[in-house]
C-alpha atoms as a PDB file:
ATOM      1  CA  MET A   1       1.722  -8.472  55.951  1.00  0.00           C
ATOM      2  CA  SER A   2       1.323 -11.812  57.709  1.00  0.00           C
ATOM      3  CA  ASP A   3       3.924 -13.911  59.468  1.00  0.00           C
ATOM      4  CA  ASN A   4       5.442 -17.239  58.489  1.00  0.00           C
ATOM      5  CA  TYR A   5       3.173 -20.189  59.151  1.00  0.00           C
ATOM      6  CA  GLU A   6       3.429 -23.974  59.071  1.00  0.00           C
ATOM      7  CA  GLU A   7       1.517 -26.683  57.298  1.00  0.00           C
ATOM      8  CA  VAL A   8       1.963 -30.431  57.710  1.00  0.00           C
ATOM      9  CA  ILE A   9       1.728 -32.783  54.722  1.00  0.00           C
ATOM     10  CA  ASP A  10       2.311 -36.516  55.188  1.00  0.00           C
ATOM     11  CA  GLY A  11       3.764 -35.791  58.613  1.00  0.00           C
ATOM     12  CA  GLU A  12       6.368 -33.366  57.214  1.00  0.00           C
ATOM     13  CA  THR A  13       6.270 -29.781  58.483  1.00  0.00           C
ATOM     14  CA  LEU A  14       6.529 -27.132  55.774  1.00  0.00           C
ATOM     15  CA  LEU A  15       7.435 -23.562  56.701  1.00  0.00           C
ATOM     16  CA  ARG A  16       5.402 -21.172  54.555  1.00  0.00           C
ATOM     17  CA  LEU A  17       6.658 -17.653  53.914  1.00  0.00           C
ATOM     18  CA  PRO A  18       4.494 -14.599  54.577  1.00  0.00           C
ATOM     19  CA  PRO A  19       2.103 -13.839  51.732  1.00  0.00           C
ATOM     20  CA  SER A  20       2.549 -10.697  49.625  1.00  0.00           C
ATOM     21  CA  ALA A  21       0.426  -7.572  50.054  1.00  0.00           C
ATOM     22  CA  ALA A  22      -1.483  -8.335  46.813  1.00  0.00           C
ATOM     23  CA  HIS A  23      -2.179 -11.866  48.078  1.00  0.00           C
ATOM     24  CA  GLU A  24      -3.538 -10.514  51.364  1.00  0.00           C
ATOM     25  CA  LEU A  25      -5.721  -8.010  49.504  1.00  0.00           C
ATOM     26  CA  LEU A  26      -7.332 -10.865  47.533  1.00  0.00           C
ATOM     27  CA  VAL A  27      -7.757 -12.996  50.660  1.00  0.00           C
ATOM     28  CA  GLY A  28      -9.383 -10.074  52.478  1.00  0.00           C
ATOM     29  CA  ARG A  29     -11.787  -9.436  49.616  1.00  0.00           C
ATOM     30  CA  LEU A  30     -12.783 -13.109  49.453  1.00  0.00           C
ATOM     31  CA  HIS A  31     -13.335 -13.238  53.215  1.00  0.00           C
ATOM     32  CA  ASP A  32     -15.429 -10.078  53.258  1.00  0.00           C
ATOM     33  CA  ARG A  33     -17.694 -11.345  50.471  1.00  0.00           C
ATOM     34  CA  ALA A  34     -17.978 -14.885  51.872  1.00  0.00           C
ATOM     35  CA  ALA A  35     -18.834 -13.553  55.341  1.00  0.00           C
ATOM     36  CA  ALA A  36     -21.512 -11.272  53.924  1.00  0.00           C
ATOM     37  CA  ALA A  37     -22.957 -14.131  51.826  1.00  0.00           C
ATOM     38  CA  LEU A  38     -23.403 -16.647  54.651  1.00  0.00           C
ATOM     39  CA  PRO A  39     -27.061 -16.769  55.653  1.00  0.00           C
ATOM     40  CA  LEU A  40     -27.737 -15.960  59.313  1.00  0.00           C
ATOM     41  CA  ASN A  41     -29.162 -19.425  59.979  1.00  0.00           C
ATOM     42  CA  SER A  42     -26.457 -21.248  58.017  1.00  0.00           C
ATOM     43  CA  ARG A  43     -24.756 -24.326  59.407  1.00  0.00           C
ATOM     44  CA  LEU A  44     -21.635 -23.161  57.549  1.00  0.00           C
ATOM     45  CA  ARG A  45     -18.971 -21.150  59.373  1.00  0.00           C
ATOM     46  CA  LEU A  46     -16.180 -19.042  57.879  1.00  0.00           C
ATOM     47  CA  LEU A  47     -12.820 -19.425  59.621  1.00  0.00           C
ATOM     48  CA  PRO A  48     -10.240 -16.617  59.848  1.00  0.00           C
ATOM     49  CA  PRO A  49      -7.633 -16.586  57.041  1.00  0.00           C
ATOM     50  CA  ARG A  50      -5.134 -19.434  57.234  1.00  0.00           C
ATOM     51  CA  THR A  51      -6.715 -21.087  60.255  1.00  0.00           C
ATOM     52  CA  GLU A  52      -5.090 -24.482  60.668  1.00  0.00           C
ATOM     53  CA  VAL A  53      -7.452 -27.251  59.593  1.00  0.00           C
ATOM     54  CA  ARG A  54      -6.586 -30.797  60.678  1.00  0.00           C
ATOM     55  CA  LEU A  55      -7.657 -33.064  57.828  1.00  0.00           C
ATOM     56  CA  ASN A  56      -6.229 -36.235  59.373  1.00  0.00           C
ATOM     57  CA  ALA A  57      -3.389 -37.284  61.687  1.00  0.00           C
ATOM     58  CA  ARG A  58      -0.720 -36.494  59.065  1.00  0.00           C
ATOM     59  CA  ILE A  59      -2.183 -33.450  57.295  1.00  0.00           C
ATOM     60  CA  ARG A  60      -2.768 -29.964  58.690  1.00  0.00           C
ATOM     61  CA  LEU A  61      -3.343 -27.215  56.138  1.00  0.00           C
ATOM     62  CA  CYS A  62      -3.978 -23.477  56.420  1.00  0.00           C
ATOM     63  CA  PRO A  63      -6.242 -22.529  53.511  1.00  0.00           C
ATOM     64  CA  ASP A  64      -6.481 -18.859  52.607  1.00  0.00           C
ATOM     65  CA  LEU A  65     -10.243 -19.233  52.960  1.00  0.00           C
ATOM     66  CA  ALA A  66     -11.965 -22.094  54.772  1.00  0.00           C
ATOM     67  CA  ILE A  67     -15.653 -22.691  55.315  1.00  0.00           C
ATOM     68  CA  VAL A  68     -16.585 -25.551  57.621  1.00  0.00           C
ATOM     69  CA  ARG A  69     -19.837 -27.328  58.466  1.00  0.00           C
ATOM     70  CA  PRO A  70     -20.812 -29.599  61.350  1.00  0.00           C
ATOM     71  CA  ALA A  71     -19.413 -33.100  60.971  1.00  0.00           C
ATOM     72  CA  PRO A  72     -22.022 -35.810  60.459  1.00  0.00           C
ATOM     73  CA  ALA A  73     -23.006 -38.130  63.307  1.00  0.00           C
ATOM     74  CA  PRO A  74     -21.582 -39.949  65.174  1.00  0.00           C
ATOM     75  CA  ALA A  75     -18.956 -37.181  65.467  1.00  0.00           C
ATOM     76  CA  PRO A  76     -19.253 -34.970  68.568  1.00  0.00           C
ATOM     77  CA  ALA A  77     -21.598 -32.012  68.124  1.00  0.00           C
ATOM     78  CA  ASP A  78     -18.763 -29.463  68.241  1.00  0.00           C
ATOM     79  CA  THR A  79     -16.760 -31.180  65.456  1.00  0.00           C
ATOM     80  CA  PHE A  80     -16.533 -29.538  62.056  1.00  0.00           C
ATOM     81  CA  GLU A  81     -15.436 -30.687  58.616  1.00  0.00           C
ATOM     82  CA  LEU A  82     -14.124 -28.629  55.753  1.00  0.00           C
ATOM     83  CA  TYR A  83     -16.781 -27.754  53.156  1.00  0.00           C
ATOM     84  CA  LEU A  84     -14.897 -25.238  50.996  1.00  0.00           C
ATOM     85  CA  ALA A  85     -11.252 -24.250  50.736  1.00  0.00           C
ATOM     86  CA  ALA A  86      -9.734 -21.508  48.618  1.00  0.00           C
ATOM     87  CA  GLU A  87      -6.079 -21.044  47.828  1.00  0.00           C
ATOM     88  CA  VAL A  88      -4.782 -17.763  46.395  1.00  0.00           C
ATOM     89  CA  LEU A  89      -1.733 -18.504  44.293  1.00  0.00           C
ATOM     90  CA  GLN A  90       1.497 -16.568  44.546  1.00  0.00           C
ATOM     91  CA  PRO A  91       4.965 -17.048  43.045  1.00  0.00           C
ATOM     92  CA  GLY A  92       6.940 -19.851  44.666  1.00  0.00           C
ATOM     93  CA  ASP A  93       3.842 -21.707  45.919  1.00  0.00           C
ATOM     94  CA  HIS A  94       2.355 -22.686  42.590  1.00  0.00           C
ATOM     95  CA  HIS A  95       3.206 -26.424  42.717  1.00  0.00           C
ATOM     96  CA  LEU A  96       2.252 -26.854  46.371  1.00  0.00           C
ATOM     97  CA  ASP A  97      -1.147 -25.190  45.944  1.00  0.00           C
ATOM     98  CA  THR A  98      -2.104 -26.322  42.419  1.00  0.00           C
ATOM     99  CA  VAL A  99      -0.852 -29.900  42.588  1.00  0.00           C
ATOM    100  CA  VAL A 100      -0.149 -31.137  46.122  1.00  0.00           C
ATOM    101  CA  LYS A 101      -2.899 -29.428  48.113  1.00  0.00           C
ATOM    102  CA  LYS A 102      -5.469 -29.785  45.331  1.00  0.00           C
ATOM    103  CA  GLN A 103      -4.813 -33.547  45.303  1.00  0.00           C
ATOM    104  CA  ILE A 104      -5.134 -33.724  49.095  1.00  0.00           C
ATOM    105  CA  TYR A 105      -8.483 -31.914  48.986  1.00  0.00           C
ATOM    106  CA  SER A 106      -9.645 -34.180  46.157  1.00  0.00           C
ATOM    107  CA  ASP A 107      -8.568 -37.370  47.965  1.00  0.00           C
ATOM    108  CA  LEU A 108     -10.488 -36.225  51.049  1.00  0.00           C
ATOM    109  CA  LYS A 109     -13.568 -35.534  48.893  1.00  0.00           C
ATOM    110  CA  LEU A 110     -13.772 -31.852  49.777  1.00  0.00           C
ATOM    111  CA  PRO A 111     -17.092 -30.673  48.290  1.00  0.00           C
ATOM    112  CA  ARG A 112     -15.779 -27.317  46.955  1.00  0.00           C
ATOM    113  CA  PHE A 113     -12.365 -25.893  46.090  1.00  0.00           C
ATOM    114  CA  TRP A 114     -11.535 -22.480  44.632  1.00  0.00           C
ATOM    115  CA  MET A 115      -8.105 -21.814  43.123  1.00  0.00           C
ATOM    116  CA  VAL A 116      -7.606 -18.054  42.753  1.00  0.00           C
ATOM    117  CA  ASP A 117      -4.916 -17.123  40.224  1.00  0.00           C
ATOM    118  CA  PRO A 118      -3.995 -13.416  40.126  1.00  0.00           C
ATOM    119  CA  ARG A 119      -1.578 -13.993  37.225  1.00  0.00           C
ATOM    120  CA  TYR A 120      -4.441 -14.867  34.893  1.00  0.00           C
ATOM    121  CA  LEU A 121      -7.159 -12.968  36.773  1.00  0.00           C
ATOM    122  CA  ASN A 122      -9.318 -16.052  37.136  1.00  0.00           C
ATOM    123  CA  VAL A 123     -10.781 -18.484  39.659  1.00  0.00           C
ATOM    124  CA  GLU A 124     -11.009 -22.209  38.976  1.00  0.00           C
ATOM    125  CA  ILE A 125     -13.971 -23.852  40.706  1.00  0.00           C
ATOM    126  CA  TYR A 126     -13.777 -27.555  41.550  1.00  0.00           C
ATOM    127  CA  GLY A 127     -16.461 -29.850  42.877  1.00  0.00           C
ATOM    128  CA  ILE A 128     -16.171 -33.475  43.900  1.00  0.00           C
ATOM    129  CA  GLY A 129     -17.139 -36.056  41.309  1.00  0.00           C
ATOM    130  CA  GLU A 130     -17.071 -39.823  41.071  1.00  0.00           C
ATOM    131  CA  TYR A 131     -13.300 -39.906  40.476  1.00  0.00           C
ATOM    132  CA  GLY A 132     -12.199 -36.890  42.512  1.00  0.00           C
ATOM    133  CA  PHE A 133     -12.299 -33.223  41.612  1.00  0.00           C
ATOM    134  CA  THR A 134     -14.129 -32.032  38.551  1.00  0.00           C
ATOM    135  CA  LEU A 135     -13.374 -28.595  37.147  1.00  0.00           C
ATOM    136  CA  THR A 136     -16.846 -27.055  37.059  1.00  0.00           C
ATOM    137  CA  ALA A 137     -15.933 -23.517  35.950  1.00  0.00           C
ATOM    138  CA  ILE A 138     -13.120 -21.131  35.152  1.00  0.00           C
ATOM    139  CA  LEU A 139     -14.314 -17.654  36.050  1.00  0.00           C
ATOM    140  CA  ALA A 140     -12.701 -14.637  34.416  1.00  0.00           C
ATOM    141  CA  HIS A 141     -13.523 -11.096  33.323  1.00  0.00           C
ATOM    142  CA  GLY A 142     -17.221 -10.380  33.968  1.00  0.00           C
ATOM    143  CA  ASN A 143     -18.109 -13.808  35.371  1.00  0.00           C
ATOM    144  CA  PRO A 144     -19.289 -13.705  38.981  1.00  0.00           C
ATOM    145  CA  LEU A 145     -18.002 -15.966  41.739  1.00  0.00           C
ATOM    146  CA  THR A 146     -21.012 -17.787  43.206  1.00  0.00           C
ATOM    147  CA  ASP A 147     -21.690 -20.873  45.311  1.00  0.00           C
ATOM    148  CA  PRO A 148     -24.977 -22.728  45.842  1.00  0.00           C
ATOM    149  CA  HIS A 149     -24.545 -22.695  49.651  1.00  0.00           C
ATOM    150  CA  LEU A 150     -23.656 -18.998  49.740  1.00  0.00           C
ATOM    151  CA  PRO A 151     -26.780 -17.569  48.106  1.00  0.00           C
ATOM    152  CA  GLY A 152     -25.720 -13.943  48.600  1.00  0.00           C
ATOM    153  CA  LEU A 153     -22.352 -14.421  46.905  1.00  0.00           C
ATOM    154  CA  HIS A 154     -22.149 -12.718  43.516  1.00  0.00           C
ATOM    155  CA  TYR A 155     -18.624 -11.349  43.069  1.00  0.00           C
ATOM    156  CA  PRO A 156     -17.551 -10.256  39.561  1.00  0.00           C
ATOM    157  CA  MET A 157     -13.966 -11.167  38.726  1.00  0.00           C
ATOM    158  CA  CYS A 158     -13.236  -7.600  37.609  1.00  0.00           C
ATOM    159  CA  ASP A 159     -14.013  -6.421  41.178  1.00  0.00           C
ATOM    160  CA  LEU A 160     -12.024  -9.210  42.840  1.00  0.00           C
ATOM    161  CA  PHE A 161      -8.885  -8.468  40.837  1.00  0.00           C
ATOM    162  CA  SER A 162      -9.172  -4.666  40.592  1.00  0.00           C
ATOM    163  CA  ASP A 163      -6.156  -2.542  41.565  1.00  0.00           C
ATOM    164  CA  LEU A 164      -3.675  -5.421  41.788  1.00  0.00           C
END
């Protein structure tokens, strides 16, 4: 089990409670598959679970899964920007993850967002559109989790949510 951690939204520090064992199992599975799916020559980089990501001066989030890519010029060469974030929902965090953080990611034009919901055994996939996030898929049952920039990723939902 993990420890408490902090996130900052609009300059306000939020203390987050340790995730449950089932939550950590899902996060571990997602990380293992994402790591295996990243091509060796990829510009994308998978961060450890809940690595703090500074989105601006007033927002620091700790996504359950974060994939970053080099920031475009003129940013320094060692600067990264968030490409994909995934949040695994758990009781008590539903509003923060499904409303507040999803809106933050949308406002910042995050290219990809996965919302993993173990209650309904599904993953909602969002991409950025003209007016913010667009729900591009709801994956359940036999549907595989895939991503165009992770060509090796093909993760059936039944495997992701098995033994929960």
